[in-house]
Amino acid sequence: MVSKQPIFPEGVRQVPKQFSWLDHRLIRDHHIEQCSHPAAALYLFLVTVGDARGLSYYADDSIMKHLSMDHITLEKARQNLICVGLIAWQKPLYQVLSLDIAEKEAASRSVMDRPLSLGDILKRAMGGTSHD
């Protein structure tokens, strides 16, 4: 059995008050509107297969098969979700993040409009910034 540790411990999701893994803020706060259709499908898949902390080790080939995506579509969908702060990814581990993290990333995107790496997300969560 493989021991999984969160990539981003501060972003471990919690069961929302309405007791659903799909937090109502996904719609109410317009997070879903920032996602392409393939990104939304990938997000739903990752929420479904992830453990209680949002972690999963699904390989690209398996995800592409389940979602009928090619490699380029999967890469774009994954980057979209990373950019809007909904997931973290460090091959081979995915982590669905708390929507609180996505809200912080949305605020910081107004300063710069580029995709965020896991390093950028971690720096910002720790109180630093990355503008290079």
C-alpha atoms as a PDB file:
ATOM      1  CA  MET A   1       0.000   0.000   0.000  1.00  0.00           C
ATOM      2  CA  VAL A   2       1.351   3.422  -1.005  1.00  0.00           C
ATOM      3  CA  SER A   3       1.284   6.153   1.613  1.00  0.00           C
ATOM      4  CA  LYS A   4      -0.086   9.388   0.176  1.00  0.00           C
ATOM      5  CA  GLN A   5       0.866  12.764   1.604  1.00  0.00           C
ATOM      6  CA  PRO A   6      -0.724  16.026   0.476  1.00  0.00           C
ATOM      7  CA  ILE A   7       1.334  18.079  -1.946  1.00  0.00           C
ATOM      8  CA  PHE A   8      -0.105  21.201  -0.368  1.00  0.00           C
ATOM      9  CA  PRO A   9      -1.093  20.466   3.288  1.00  0.00           C
ATOM     10  CA  GLU A  10      -2.723  23.885   3.767  1.00  0.00           C
ATOM     11  CA  GLY A  11      -5.071  23.111   0.859  1.00  0.00           C
ATOM     12  CA  VAL A  12      -6.557  19.852   2.192  1.00  0.00           C
ATOM     13  CA  ARG A  13     -10.254  20.028   1.478  1.00  0.00           C
ATOM     14  CA  GLN A  14     -12.928  19.714   4.134  1.00  0.00           C
ATOM     15  CA  VAL A  15     -16.444  18.401   3.721  1.00  0.00           C
ATOM     16  CA  PRO A  16     -18.510  21.576   3.160  1.00  0.00           C
ATOM     17  CA  LYS A  17     -21.336  22.465   5.543  1.00  0.00           C
ATOM     18  CA  GLN A  18     -23.953  21.222   3.058  1.00  0.00           C
ATOM     19  CA  PHE A  19     -22.252  17.767   3.240  1.00  0.00           C
ATOM     20  CA  SER A  20     -21.246  17.335  -0.362  1.00  0.00           C
ATOM     21  CA  TRP A  21     -17.775  17.021  -1.880  1.00  0.00           C
ATOM     22  CA  LEU A  22     -18.900  19.379  -4.596  1.00  0.00           C
ATOM     23  CA  ASP A  23     -18.941  22.625  -2.711  1.00  0.00           C
ATOM     24  CA  HIS A  24     -21.768  24.982  -3.676  1.00  0.00           C
ATOM     25  CA  ARG A  25     -19.190  27.776  -3.932  1.00  0.00           C
ATOM     26  CA  LEU A  26     -18.010  26.093  -7.137  1.00  0.00           C
ATOM     27  CA  ILE A  27     -21.116  27.590  -8.750  1.00  0.00           C
ATOM     28  CA  ARG A  28     -22.013  30.444  -6.402  1.00  0.00           C
ATOM     29  CA  ASP A  29     -18.535  32.009  -6.520  1.00  0.00           C
ATOM     30  CA  HIS A  30     -18.111  31.359 -10.271  1.00  0.00           C
ATOM     31  CA  HIS A  31     -15.138  28.976 -10.063  1.00  0.00           C
ATOM     32  CA  ILE A  32     -16.724  26.636 -12.613  1.00  0.00           C
ATOM     33  CA  GLU A  33     -17.049  29.507 -15.094  1.00  0.00           C
ATOM     34  CA  GLN A  34     -13.253  29.730 -15.210  1.00  0.00           C
ATOM     35  CA  CYS A  35     -12.988  26.121 -16.402  1.00  0.00           C
ATOM     36  CA  SER A  36     -13.147  24.751 -19.926  1.00  0.00           C
ATOM     37  CA  HIS A  37     -15.473  21.779 -20.419  1.00  0.00           C
ATOM     38  CA  PRO A  38     -12.527  19.324 -20.363  1.00  0.00           C
ATOM     39  CA  ALA A  39     -11.217  20.996 -17.187  1.00  0.00           C
ATOM     40  CA  ALA A  40     -14.635  20.692 -15.530  1.00  0.00           C
ATOM     41  CA  ALA A  41     -14.771  17.004 -16.520  1.00  0.00           C
ATOM     42  CA  LEU A  42     -11.279  16.442 -15.106  1.00  0.00           C
ATOM     43  CA  TYR A  43     -12.223  18.244 -11.891  1.00  0.00           C
ATOM     44  CA  LEU A  44     -15.326  16.081 -11.451  1.00  0.00           C
ATOM     45  CA  PHE A  45     -13.260  12.960 -12.131  1.00  0.00           C
ATOM     46  CA  LEU A  46     -10.602  13.961  -9.571  1.00  0.00           C
ATOM     47  CA  VAL A  47     -13.214  14.827  -6.938  1.00  0.00           C
ATOM     48  CA  THR A  48     -14.830  11.430  -7.529  1.00  0.00           C
ATOM     49  CA  VAL A  49     -11.662   9.311  -7.373  1.00  0.00           C
ATOM     50  CA  GLY A  50      -9.817  11.274  -4.678  1.00  0.00           C
ATOM     51  CA  ASP A  51      -9.572  10.198  -1.074  1.00  0.00           C
ATOM     52  CA  ALA A  52     -10.887  12.291   1.834  1.00  0.00           C
ATOM     53  CA  ARG A  53      -7.961  14.722   1.424  1.00  0.00           C
ATOM     54  CA  GLY A  54      -8.500  15.069  -2.321  1.00  0.00           C
ATOM     55  CA  LEU A  55      -5.479  12.938  -3.281  1.00  0.00           C
ATOM     56  CA  SER A  56      -5.309  10.489  -6.188  1.00  0.00           C
ATOM     57  CA  TYR A  57      -2.644   8.769  -8.256  1.00  0.00           C
ATOM     58  CA  TYR A  58      -4.524   8.216 -11.505  1.00  0.00           C
ATOM     59  CA  ALA A  59      -2.153   8.008 -14.475  1.00  0.00           C
ATOM     60  CA  ASP A  60      -2.673  10.162 -17.561  1.00  0.00           C
ATOM     61  CA  ASP A  61      -3.456   7.113 -19.722  1.00  0.00           C
ATOM     62  CA  SER A  62      -6.189   6.008 -17.341  1.00  0.00           C
ATOM     63  CA  ILE A  63      -7.693   9.506 -17.066  1.00  0.00           C
ATOM     64  CA  MET A  64      -7.650   9.920 -20.852  1.00  0.00           C
ATOM     65  CA  LYS A  65      -9.420   6.582 -21.254  1.00  0.00           C
ATOM     66  CA  HIS A  66     -12.110   7.379 -18.660  1.00  0.00           C
ATOM     67  CA  LEU A  67     -12.739  10.891 -20.003  1.00  0.00           C
ATOM     68  CA  SER A  68     -12.221  10.173 -23.726  1.00  0.00           C
ATOM     69  CA  MET A  69      -9.505  12.836 -23.935  1.00  0.00           C
ATOM     70  CA  ASP A  70      -6.303  12.992 -25.887  1.00  0.00           C
ATOM     71  CA  HIS A  71      -3.009  13.952 -24.250  1.00  0.00           C
ATOM     72  CA  ILE A  72      -3.104  17.614 -25.343  1.00  0.00           C
ATOM     73  CA  THR A  73      -6.675  18.072 -24.068  1.00  0.00           C
ATOM     74  CA  LEU A  74      -5.735  16.531 -20.721  1.00  0.00           C
ATOM     75  CA  GLU A  75      -2.666  18.762 -20.396  1.00  0.00           C
ATOM     76  CA  LYS A  76      -4.721  21.887 -21.158  1.00  0.00           C
ATOM     77  CA  ALA A  77      -7.479  20.830 -18.739  1.00  0.00           C
ATOM     78  CA  ARG A  78      -4.954  20.138 -15.981  1.00  0.00           C
ATOM     79  CA  GLN A  79      -3.217  23.492 -16.555  1.00  0.00           C
ATOM     80  CA  ASN A  80      -6.590  25.279 -16.499  1.00  0.00           C
ATOM     81  CA  LEU A  81      -7.407  23.731 -13.093  1.00  0.00           C
ATOM     82  CA  ILE A  82      -3.959  24.570 -11.726  1.00  0.00           C
ATOM     83  CA  CYS A  83      -4.227  28.132 -13.028  1.00  0.00           C
ATOM     84  CA  VAL A  84      -7.548  28.777 -11.300  1.00  0.00           C
ATOM     85  CA  GLY A  85      -6.331  27.159  -8.068  1.00  0.00           C
ATOM     86  CA  LEU A  86      -8.648  24.136  -8.040  1.00  0.00           C
ATOM     87  CA  ILE A  87      -5.949  21.449  -8.096  1.00  0.00           C
ATOM     88  CA  ALA A  88      -2.274  20.896  -7.427  1.00  0.00           C
ATOM     89  CA  TRP A  89      -0.348  18.325  -9.454  1.00  0.00           C
ATOM     90  CA  GLN A  90       3.056  16.840  -8.928  1.00  0.00           C
ATOM     91  CA  LYS A  91       3.378  13.849 -11.200  1.00  0.00           C
ATOM     92  CA  PRO A  92       1.965  11.315 -10.433  1.00  0.00           C
ATOM     93  CA  LEU A  93      -0.091  12.846  -7.588  1.00  0.00           C
ATOM     94  CA  TYR A  94      -3.172  15.044  -7.978  1.00  0.00           C
ATOM     95  CA  GLN A  95      -4.696  17.030  -5.126  1.00  0.00           C
ATOM     96  CA  VAL A  96      -8.101  18.685  -5.309  1.00  0.00           C
ATOM     97  CA  LEU A  97      -7.667  21.890  -3.318  1.00  0.00           C
ATOM     98  CA  SER A  98      -9.933  23.718  -0.947  1.00  0.00           C
ATOM     99  CA  LEU A  99     -11.969  26.409  -2.691  1.00  0.00           C
ATOM    100  CA  ASP A 100     -10.469  28.838  -0.189  1.00  0.00           C
ATOM    101  CA  ILE A 101      -7.175  28.400  -2.061  1.00  0.00           C
ATOM    102  CA  ALA A 102      -8.920  28.992  -5.405  1.00  0.00           C
ATOM    103  CA  GLU A 103     -10.369  32.248  -4.065  1.00  0.00           C
ATOM    104  CA  LYS A 104      -6.899  33.451  -3.003  1.00  0.00           C
ATOM    105  CA  GLU A 105      -5.516  32.544  -6.424  1.00  0.00           C
ATOM    106  CA  ALA A 106      -8.347  34.406  -8.172  1.00  0.00           C
ATOM    107  CA  ALA A 107      -7.466  37.531  -6.209  1.00  0.00           C
ATOM    108  CA  SER A 108      -3.779  37.252  -7.074  1.00  0.00           C
ATOM    109  CA  ARG A 109      -4.531  36.632 -10.785  1.00  0.00           C
ATOM    110  CA  SER A 110      -5.746  40.199 -11.018  1.00  0.00           C
ATOM    111  CA  VAL A 111      -2.104  41.209 -10.418  1.00  0.00           C
ATOM    112  CA  MET A 112      -0.650  38.854 -13.015  1.00  0.00           C
ATOM    113  CA  ASP A 113      -2.298  36.816 -15.709  1.00  0.00           C
ATOM    114  CA  ARG A 114      -0.172  33.703 -16.159  1.00  0.00           C
ATOM    115  CA  PRO A 115      -0.525  30.052 -15.122  1.00  0.00           C
ATOM    116  CA  LEU A 116       0.712  29.308 -11.618  1.00  0.00           C
ATOM    117  CA  SER A 117       3.133  26.529 -10.841  1.00  0.00           C
ATOM    118  CA  LEU A 118       2.882  24.470  -7.673  1.00  0.00           C
ATOM    119  CA  GLY A 119       5.860  26.497  -6.414  1.00  0.00           C
ATOM    120  CA  ASP A 120       3.955  29.756  -6.998  1.00  0.00           C
ATOM    121  CA  ILE A 121       0.937  28.400  -5.124  1.00  0.00           C
ATOM    122  CA  LEU A 122       3.081  27.283  -2.189  1.00  0.00           C
ATOM    123  CA  LYS A 123       4.977  30.598  -2.035  1.00  0.00           C
ATOM    124  CA  ARG A 124       1.745  32.572  -1.986  1.00  0.00           C
ATOM    125  CA  ALA A 125       0.147  30.309   0.602  1.00  0.00           C
ATOM    126  CA  MET A 126       3.201  30.817   2.817  1.00  0.00           C
ATOM    127  CA  GLY A 127       2.825  34.600   2.503  1.00  0.00           C
ATOM    128  CA  GLY A 128       5.379  35.254  -0.220  1.00  0.00           C
ATOM    129  CA  THR A 129       4.786  36.290  -3.800  1.00  0.00           C
ATOM    130  CA  SER A 130       6.200  35.190  -7.092  1.00  0.00           C
ATOM    131  CA  HIS A 131       6.071  37.690  -9.938  1.00  0.00           C
ATOM    132  CA  ASP A 132       8.931  36.547 -12.211  1.00  0.00           C
END
